[in-house]
PDB file of N, CA and C in Angstrom:
ATOM      1  N   MET A   1       7.155   3.411 -25.274  1.00  0.00           N
ATOM      2  CA  MET A   1       7.412   2.323 -24.358  1.00  0.00           C
ATOM      3  C   MET A   1       8.914   2.084 -24.299  1.00  0.00           C
ATOM      4  N   LEU A   2       9.329   1.528 -23.194  1.00  0.00           N
ATOM      5  CA  LEU A   2      10.748   1.287 -22.998  1.00  0.00           C
ATOM      6  C   LEU A   2      11.201   0.031 -23.714  1.00  0.00           C
ATOM      7  N   GLU A   3      12.454   0.051 -24.137  1.00  0.00           N
ATOM      8  CA  GLU A   3      13.079  -1.137 -24.693  1.00  0.00           C
ATOM      9  C   GLU A   3      13.462  -2.046 -23.529  1.00  0.00           C
ATOM     10  N   ALA A   4      13.680  -3.330 -23.802  1.00  0.00           N
ATOM     11  CA  ALA A   4      13.977  -4.305 -22.752  1.00  0.00           C
ATOM     12  C   ALA A   4      15.180  -3.906 -21.910  1.00  0.00           C
ATOM     13  N   ASN A   5      16.228  -3.367 -22.525  1.00  0.00           N
ATOM     14  CA  ASN A   5      17.423  -3.014 -21.764  1.00  0.00           C
ATOM     15  C   ASN A   5      17.225  -1.767 -20.905  1.00  0.00           C
ATOM     16  N   GLU A   6      16.200  -0.969 -21.167  1.00  0.00           N
ATOM     17  CA  GLU A   6      15.943   0.236 -20.387  1.00  0.00           C
ATOM     18  C   GLU A   6      15.212  -0.060 -19.082  1.00  0.00           C
ATOM     19  N   TYR A   7      14.475  -1.177 -19.008  1.00  0.00           N
ATOM     20  CA  TYR A   7      13.754  -1.523 -17.783  1.00  0.00           C
ATOM     21  C   TYR A   7      14.708  -1.651 -16.608  1.00  0.00           C
ATOM     22  N   GLU A   8      15.805  -2.338 -16.813  1.00  0.00           N
ATOM     23  CA  GLU A   8      16.775  -2.545 -15.735  1.00  0.00           C
ATOM     24  C   GLU A   8      17.366  -1.225 -15.277  1.00  0.00           C
ATOM     25  N   ALA A   9      17.659  -0.341 -16.201  1.00  0.00           N
ATOM     26  CA  ALA A   9      18.260   0.950 -15.857  1.00  0.00           C
ATOM     27  C   ALA A   9      17.314   1.818 -15.039  1.00  0.00           C
ATOM     28  N   LEU A  10      16.017   1.743 -15.298  1.00  0.00           N
ATOM     29  CA  LEU A  10      15.040   2.585 -14.594  1.00  0.00           C
ATOM     30  C   LEU A  10      14.435   1.925 -13.366  1.00  0.00           C
ATOM     31  N   ARG A  11      14.840   0.710 -13.069  1.00  0.00           N
ATOM     32  CA  ARG A  11      14.241  -0.014 -11.946  1.00  0.00           C
ATOM     33  C   ARG A  11      14.416   0.742 -10.633  1.00  0.00           C
ATOM     34  N   HIS A  12      15.528   1.445 -10.472  1.00  0.00           N
ATOM     35  CA  HIS A  12      15.806   2.135  -9.216  1.00  0.00           C
ATOM     36  C   HIS A  12      15.408   3.610  -9.236  1.00  0.00           C
ATOM     37  N   VAL A  13      14.916   4.085 -10.361  1.00  0.00           N
ATOM     38  CA  VAL A  13      14.472   5.479 -10.467  1.00  0.00           C
ATOM     39  C   VAL A  13      13.031   5.558  -9.966  1.00  0.00           C
ATOM     40  N   PRO A  14      12.747   6.463  -9.030  1.00  0.00           N
ATOM     41  CA  PRO A  14      11.385   6.561  -8.507  1.00  0.00           C
ATOM     42  C   PRO A  14      10.365   6.898  -9.594  1.00  0.00           C
ATOM     43  N   ILE A  15       9.177   6.350  -9.463  1.00  0.00           N
ATOM     44  CA  ILE A  15       8.074   6.673 -10.366  1.00  0.00           C
ATOM     45  C   ILE A  15       7.613   8.090 -10.043  1.00  0.00           C
ATOM     46  N   ARG A  16       7.393   8.870 -11.102  1.00  0.00           N
ATOM     47  CA  ARG A  16       7.011  10.278 -10.935  1.00  0.00           C
ATOM     48  C   ARG A  16       5.674  10.548 -11.592  1.00  0.00           C
ATOM     49  N   ASP A  17       5.107  11.694 -11.254  1.00  0.00           N
ATOM     50  CA  ASP A  17       3.885  12.165 -11.902  1.00  0.00           C
ATOM     51  C   ASP A  17       4.130  12.218 -13.403  1.00  0.00           C
ATOM     52  N   GLY A  18       3.181  11.707 -14.196  1.00  0.00           N
ATOM     53  CA  GLY A  18       3.285  11.744 -15.644  1.00  0.00           C
ATOM     54  C   GLY A  18       3.864  10.493 -16.271  1.00  0.00           C
ATOM     55  N   ASP A  19       4.434   9.587 -15.460  1.00  0.00           N
ATOM     56  CA  ASP A  19       5.009   8.353 -16.011  1.00  0.00           C
ATOM     57  C   ASP A  19       3.910   7.412 -16.496  1.00  0.00           C
ATOM     58  N   LEU A  20       4.276   6.538 -17.399  1.00  0.00           N
ATOM     59  CA  LEU A  20       3.388   5.502 -17.918  1.00  0.00           C
ATOM     60  C   LEU A  20       3.719   4.214 -17.170  1.00  0.00           C
ATOM     61  N   VAL A  21       2.701   3.596 -16.542  1.00  0.00           N
ATOM     62  CA  VAL A  21       2.922   2.401 -15.728  1.00  0.00           C
ATOM     63  C   VAL A  21       1.866   1.343 -16.011  1.00  0.00           C
ATOM     64  N   CYS A  22       2.161   0.129 -15.555  1.00  0.00           N
ATOM     65  CA  CYS A  22       1.166  -0.931 -15.485  1.00  0.00           C
ATOM     66  C   CYS A  22       1.178  -1.434 -14.049  1.00  0.00           C
ATOM     67  N   LEU A  23       0.158  -2.189 -13.655  1.00  0.00           N
ATOM     68  CA  LEU A  23       0.093  -2.734 -12.312  1.00  0.00           C
ATOM     69  C   LEU A  23       0.556  -4.173 -12.335  1.00  0.00           C
ATOM     70  N   SER A  24       1.538  -4.480 -11.515  1.00  0.00           N
ATOM     71  CA  SER A  24       2.169  -5.804 -11.456  1.00  0.00           C
ATOM     72  C   SER A  24       2.630  -6.194 -12.850  1.00  0.00           C
ATOM     73  N   ASN A  25       2.203  -7.353 -13.335  1.00  0.00           N
ATOM     74  CA  ASN A  25       2.627  -7.812 -14.665  1.00  0.00           C
ATOM     75  C   ASN A  25       1.523  -7.678 -15.701  1.00  0.00           C
ATOM     76  N   ASP A  26       0.447  -6.967 -15.377  1.00  0.00           N
ATOM     77  CA  ASP A  26      -0.678  -6.803 -16.292  1.00  0.00           C
ATOM     78  C   ASP A  26      -0.377  -5.685 -17.284  1.00  0.00           C
ATOM     79  N   ARG A  27       0.101  -6.045 -18.473  1.00  0.00           N
ATOM     80  CA  ARG A  27       0.449  -5.046 -19.492  1.00  0.00           C
ATOM     81  C   ARG A  27      -0.745  -4.700 -20.378  1.00  0.00           C
ATOM     82  N   ASN A  28      -1.922  -5.281 -20.086  1.00  0.00           N
ATOM     83  CA  ASN A  28      -3.116  -4.985 -20.877  1.00  0.00           C
ATOM     84  C   ASN A  28      -3.739  -3.656 -20.486  1.00  0.00           C
ATOM     85  N   ASN A  29      -3.557  -3.249 -19.245  1.00  0.00           N
ATOM     86  CA  ASN A  29      -4.097  -1.976 -18.767  1.00  0.00           C
ATOM     87  C   ASN A  29      -2.947  -1.037 -18.476  1.00  0.00           C
ATOM     88  N   LEU A  30      -2.884   0.052 -19.218  1.00  0.00           N
ATOM     89  CA  LEU A  30      -1.837   1.042 -19.033  1.00  0.00           C
ATOM     90  C   LEU A  30      -2.410   2.254 -18.320  1.00  0.00           C
ATOM     91  N   TYR A  31      -1.590   2.838 -17.462  1.00  0.00           N
ATOM     92  CA  TYR A  31      -2.020   3.979 -16.655  1.00  0.00           C
ATOM     93  C   TYR A  31      -1.007   5.098 -16.763  1.00  0.00           C
ATOM     94  N   THR A  32      -1.502   6.325 -16.674  1.00  0.00           N
ATOM     95  CA  THR A  32      -0.626   7.464 -16.498  1.00  0.00           C
ATOM     96  C   THR A  32      -0.700   7.842 -15.023  1.00  0.00           C
ATOM     97  N   VAL A  33       0.429   8.208 -14.455  1.00  0.00           N
ATOM     98  CA  VAL A  33       0.491   8.571 -13.042  1.00  0.00           C
ATOM     99  C   VAL A  33       0.095  10.038 -12.908  1.00  0.00           C
ATOM    100  N   ILE A  34      -0.967  10.281 -12.169  1.00  0.00           N
ATOM    101  CA  ILE A  34      -1.439  11.640 -11.932  1.00  0.00           C
ATOM    102  C   ILE A  34      -0.667  12.258 -10.768  1.00  0.00           C
ATOM    103  N   LEU A  35      -0.511  11.477  -9.689  1.00  0.00           N
ATOM    104  CA  LEU A  35       0.106  11.996  -8.477  1.00  0.00           C
ATOM    105  C   LEU A  35       0.707  10.849  -7.677  1.00  0.00           C
ATOM    106  N   VAL A  36       1.871  11.063  -7.092  1.00  0.00           N
ATOM    107  CA  VAL A  36       2.511  10.082  -6.205  1.00  0.00           C
ATOM    108  C   VAL A  36       2.680  10.729  -4.840  1.00  0.00           C
ATOM    109  N   ARG A  37       2.114  10.101  -3.821  1.00  0.00           N
ATOM    110  CA  ARG A  37       2.240  10.607  -2.454  1.00  0.00           C
ATOM    111  C   ARG A  37       2.195   9.445  -1.475  1.00  0.00           C
ATOM    112  N   GLU A  38       3.109   9.467  -0.501  1.00  0.00           N
ATOM    113  CA  GLU A  38       3.113   8.549   0.640  1.00  0.00           C
ATOM    114  C   GLU A  38       2.935   7.086   0.246  1.00  0.00           C
ATOM    115  N   GLY A  39       3.663   6.643  -0.774  1.00  0.00           N
ATOM    116  CA  GLY A  39       3.627   5.233  -1.161  1.00  0.00           C
ATOM    117  C   GLY A  39       2.411   4.815  -1.963  1.00  0.00           C
ATOM    118  N   ARG A  40       1.608   5.786  -2.388  1.00  0.00           N
ATOM    119  CA  ARG A  40       0.436   5.483  -3.207  1.00  0.00           C
ATOM    120  C   ARG A  40       0.440   6.338  -4.462  1.00  0.00           C
ATOM    121  N   CYS A  41      -0.217   5.810  -5.492  1.00  0.00           N
ATOM    122  CA  CYS A  41      -0.312   6.519  -6.770  1.00  0.00           C
ATOM    123  C   CYS A  41      -1.769   6.725  -7.144  1.00  0.00           C
ATOM    124  N   TRP A  42      -2.055   7.899  -7.662  1.00  0.00           N
ATOM    125  CA  TRP A  42      -3.339   8.181  -8.289  1.00  0.00           C
ATOM    126  C   TRP A  42      -3.090   7.945  -9.760  1.00  0.00           C
ATOM    127  N   LEU A  43      -3.814   6.983 -10.339  1.00  0.00           N
ATOM    128  CA  LEU A  43      -3.586   6.565 -11.716  1.00  0.00           C
ATOM    129  C   LEU A  43      -4.824   6.801 -12.570  1.00  0.00           C
ATOM    130  N   ARG A  44      -4.606   7.032 -13.864  1.00  0.00           N
ATOM    131  CA  ARG A  44      -5.705   7.141 -14.827  1.00  0.00           C
ATOM    132  C   ARG A  44      -5.481   6.107 -15.918  1.00  0.00           C
ATOM    133  N   ASN A  45      -6.479   5.221 -16.103  1.00  0.00           N
ATOM    134  CA  ASN A  45      -6.432   4.191 -17.135  1.00  0.00           C
ATOM    135  C   ASN A  45      -6.513   4.877 -18.497  1.00  0.00           C
ATOM    136  N   LEU A  46      -5.599   4.534 -19.398  1.00  0.00           N
ATOM    137  CA  LEU A  46      -5.562   5.202 -20.704  1.00  0.00           C
ATOM    138  C   LEU A  46      -6.706   4.784 -21.616  1.00  0.00           C
ATOM    139  N   GLN A  47      -7.256   3.583 -21.416  1.00  0.00           N
ATOM    140  CA  GLN A  47      -8.355   3.131 -22.272  1.00  0.00           C
ATOM    141  C   GLN A  47      -9.706   3.618 -21.779  1.00  0.00           C
ATOM    142  N   THR A  48      -9.955   3.481 -20.481  1.00  0.00           N
ATOM    143  CA  THR A  48     -11.270   3.803 -19.933  1.00  0.00           C
ATOM    144  C   THR A  48     -11.355   5.206 -19.349  1.00  0.00           C
ATOM    145  N   GLU A  49     -10.196   5.835 -19.116  1.00  0.00           N
ATOM    146  CA  GLU A  49     -10.088   7.145 -18.479  1.00  0.00           C
ATOM    147  C   GLU A  49     -10.631   7.164 -17.054  1.00  0.00           C
ATOM    148  N   LEU A  50     -10.762   5.984 -16.429  1.00  0.00           N
ATOM    149  CA  LEU A  50     -11.188   5.894 -15.040  1.00  0.00           C
ATOM    150  C   LEU A  50      -9.968   6.019 -14.141  1.00  0.00           C
ATOM    151  N   ASP A  51     -10.150   6.674 -12.993  1.00  0.00           N
ATOM    152  CA  ASP A  51      -9.077   6.857 -12.034  1.00  0.00           C
ATOM    153  C   ASP A  51      -9.117   5.770 -10.977  1.00  0.00           C
ATOM    154  N   THR A  52      -7.942   5.463 -10.435  1.00  0.00           N
ATOM    155  CA  THR A  52      -7.830   4.484  -9.362  1.00  0.00           C
ATOM    156  C   THR A  52      -6.647   4.847  -8.483  1.00  0.00           C
ATOM    157  N   LEU A  53      -6.647   4.331  -7.262  1.00  0.00           N
ATOM    158  CA  LEU A  53      -5.511   4.466  -6.363  1.00  0.00           C
ATOM    159  C   LEU A  53      -4.833   3.120  -6.256  1.00  0.00           C
ATOM    160  N   ALA A  54      -3.508   3.120  -6.219  1.00  0.00           N
ATOM    161  CA  ALA A  54      -2.767   1.865  -6.116  1.00  0.00           C
ATOM    162  C   ALA A  54      -1.515   2.083  -5.288  1.00  0.00           C
ATOM    163  N   SER A  55      -1.048   1.018  -4.681  1.00  0.00           N
ATOM    164  CA  SER A  55       0.208   1.058  -3.958  1.00  0.00           C
ATOM    165  C   SER A  55       1.343   1.271  -4.953  1.00  0.00           C
ATOM    166  N   LEU A  56       2.294   2.081  -4.569  1.00  0.00           N
ATOM    167  CA  LEU A  56       3.453   2.348  -5.411  1.00  0.00           C
ATOM    168  C   LEU A  56       4.224   1.063  -5.699  1.00  0.00           C
ATOM    169  N   LYS A  57       4.182   0.108  -4.767  1.00  0.00           N
ATOM    170  CA  LYS A  57       4.892  -1.165  -4.932  1.00  0.00           C
ATOM    171  C   LYS A  57       4.344  -1.987  -6.097  1.00  0.00           C
ATOM    172  N   LEU A  58       3.071  -1.783  -6.458  1.00  0.00           N
ATOM    173  CA  LEU A  58       2.462  -2.540  -7.557  1.00  0.00           C
ATOM    174  C   LEU A  58       2.764  -1.948  -8.925  1.00  0.00           C
ATOM    175  N   CYS A  59       3.202  -0.704  -8.965  1.00  0.00           N
ATOM    176  CA  CYS A  59       3.405  -0.004 -10.241  1.00  0.00           C
ATOM    177  C   CYS A  59       4.752  -0.362 -10.850  1.00  0.00           C
ATOM    178  N   GLN A  60       4.719  -0.636 -12.154  1.00  0.00           N
ATOM    179  CA  GLN A  60       5.937  -0.865 -12.923  1.00  0.00           C
ATOM    180  C   GLN A  60       5.976   0.132 -14.071  1.00  0.00           C
ATOM    181  N   ARG A  61       7.045   0.904 -14.121  1.00  0.00           N
ATOM    182  CA  ARG A  61       7.181   1.910 -15.167  1.00  0.00           C
ATOM    183  C   ARG A  61       7.400   1.212 -16.511  1.00  0.00           C
ATOM    184  N   ILE A  62       6.655   1.646 -17.522  1.00  0.00           N
ATOM    185  CA  ILE A  62       6.846   1.099 -18.865  1.00  0.00           C
ATOM    186  C   ILE A  62       7.066   2.208 -19.886  1.00  0.00           C
ATOM    187  N   GLY A  63       7.096   3.439 -19.419  1.00  0.00           N
ATOM    188  CA  GLY A  63       7.345   4.561 -20.309  1.00  0.00           C
ATOM    189  C   GLY A  63       7.849   5.758 -19.540  1.00  0.00           C
ATOM    190  N   HIS A  64       8.605   6.598 -20.235  1.00  0.00           N
ATOM    191  CA  HIS A  64       9.137   7.805 -19.628  1.00  0.00           C
ATOM    192  C   HIS A  64       8.030   8.806 -19.382  1.00  0.00           C
ATOM    193  N   GLU A  65       8.344   9.793 -18.586  1.00  0.00           N
ATOM    194  CA  GLU A  65       7.408  10.886 -18.371  1.00  0.00           C
ATOM    195  C   GLU A  65       7.052  11.493 -19.717  1.00  0.00           C
ATOM    196  N   GLY A  66       5.789  11.750 -19.949  1.00  0.00           N
ATOM    197  CA  GLY A  66       5.341  12.299 -21.218  1.00  0.00           C
ATOM    198  C   GLY A  66       4.925  11.233 -22.215  1.00  0.00           C
ATOM    199  N   ALA A  67       5.254   9.976 -21.982  1.00  0.00           N
ATOM    200  CA  ALA A  67       4.866   8.904 -22.901  1.00  0.00           C
ATOM    201  C   ALA A  67       3.354   8.721 -22.912  1.00  0.00           C
ATOM    202  N   ALA A  68       2.697   9.028 -21.815  1.00  0.00           N
ATOM    203  CA  ALA A  68       1.253   8.858 -21.738  1.00  0.00           C
ATOM    204  C   ALA A  68       0.531   9.761 -22.734  1.00  0.00           C
ATOM    205  N   GLU A  69       1.033  10.993 -22.926  1.00  0.00           N
ATOM    206  CA  GLU A  69       0.402  11.881 -23.903  1.00  0.00           C
ATOM    207  C   GLU A  69       0.529  11.312 -25.309  1.00  0.00           C
ATOM    208  N   TRP A  70       1.690  10.723 -25.615  1.00  0.00           N
ATOM    209  CA  TRP A  70       1.888  10.120 -26.924  1.00  0.00           C
ATOM    210  C   TRP A  70       0.928   8.952 -27.138  1.00  0.00           C
ATOM    211  N   MET A  71       0.706   8.144 -26.099  1.00  0.00           N
ATOM    212  CA  MET A  71      -0.173   6.980 -26.216  1.00  0.00           C
ATOM    213  C   MET A  71      -1.622   7.407 -26.456  1.00  0.00           C
ATOM    214  N   GLN A  72      -2.010   8.589 -25.965  1.00  0.00           N
ATOM    215  CA  GLN A  72      -3.396   9.040 -26.092  1.00  0.00           C
ATOM    216  C   GLN A  72      -3.656   9.788 -27.395  1.00  0.00           C
ATOM    217  N   THR A  73      -2.633  10.131 -28.130  1.00  0.00           N
ATOM    218  CA  THR A  73      -2.797  10.880 -29.369  1.00  0.00           C
ATOM    219  C   THR A  73      -3.506  10.025 -30.412  1.00  0.00           C
ATOM    220  N   PRO A  74      -4.638  10.500 -30.968  1.00  0.00           N
ATOM    221  CA  PRO A  74      -5.346   9.705 -31.979  1.00  0.00           C
ATOM    222  C   PRO A  74      -4.494   9.510 -33.228  1.00  0.00           C
ATOM    223  N   MET A  75      -4.561   8.322 -33.781  1.00  0.00           N
ATOM    224  CA  MET A  75      -3.819   8.014 -34.999  1.00  0.00           C
ATOM    225  C   MET A  75      -4.717   8.200 -36.210  1.00  0.00           C
ATOM    226  N   GLY A  76      -4.187   8.820 -37.251  1.00  0.00           N
ATOM    227  CA  GLY A  76      -4.895   8.948 -38.527  1.00  0.00           C
ATOM    228  C   GLY A  76      -6.036   9.828 -38.417  1.00  0.00           C
TER     229      GLY A  76
END
């Protein structure tokens, strides 16, 4: 996950396939970006593994590309 000072730096960087995002301010549900096309994102919920489509405007990046794989790695 990003540190507080990194959010501002990445605010203008486009969201890409593989990024870790949340929708609006809901940090309880984390998604990995499967595909970004024409202002929409295909997302996969990390907890439920269900897919959804969302407007790119609703997505907020909370992790760098590849962070989603780290979040899914079983601990212990």
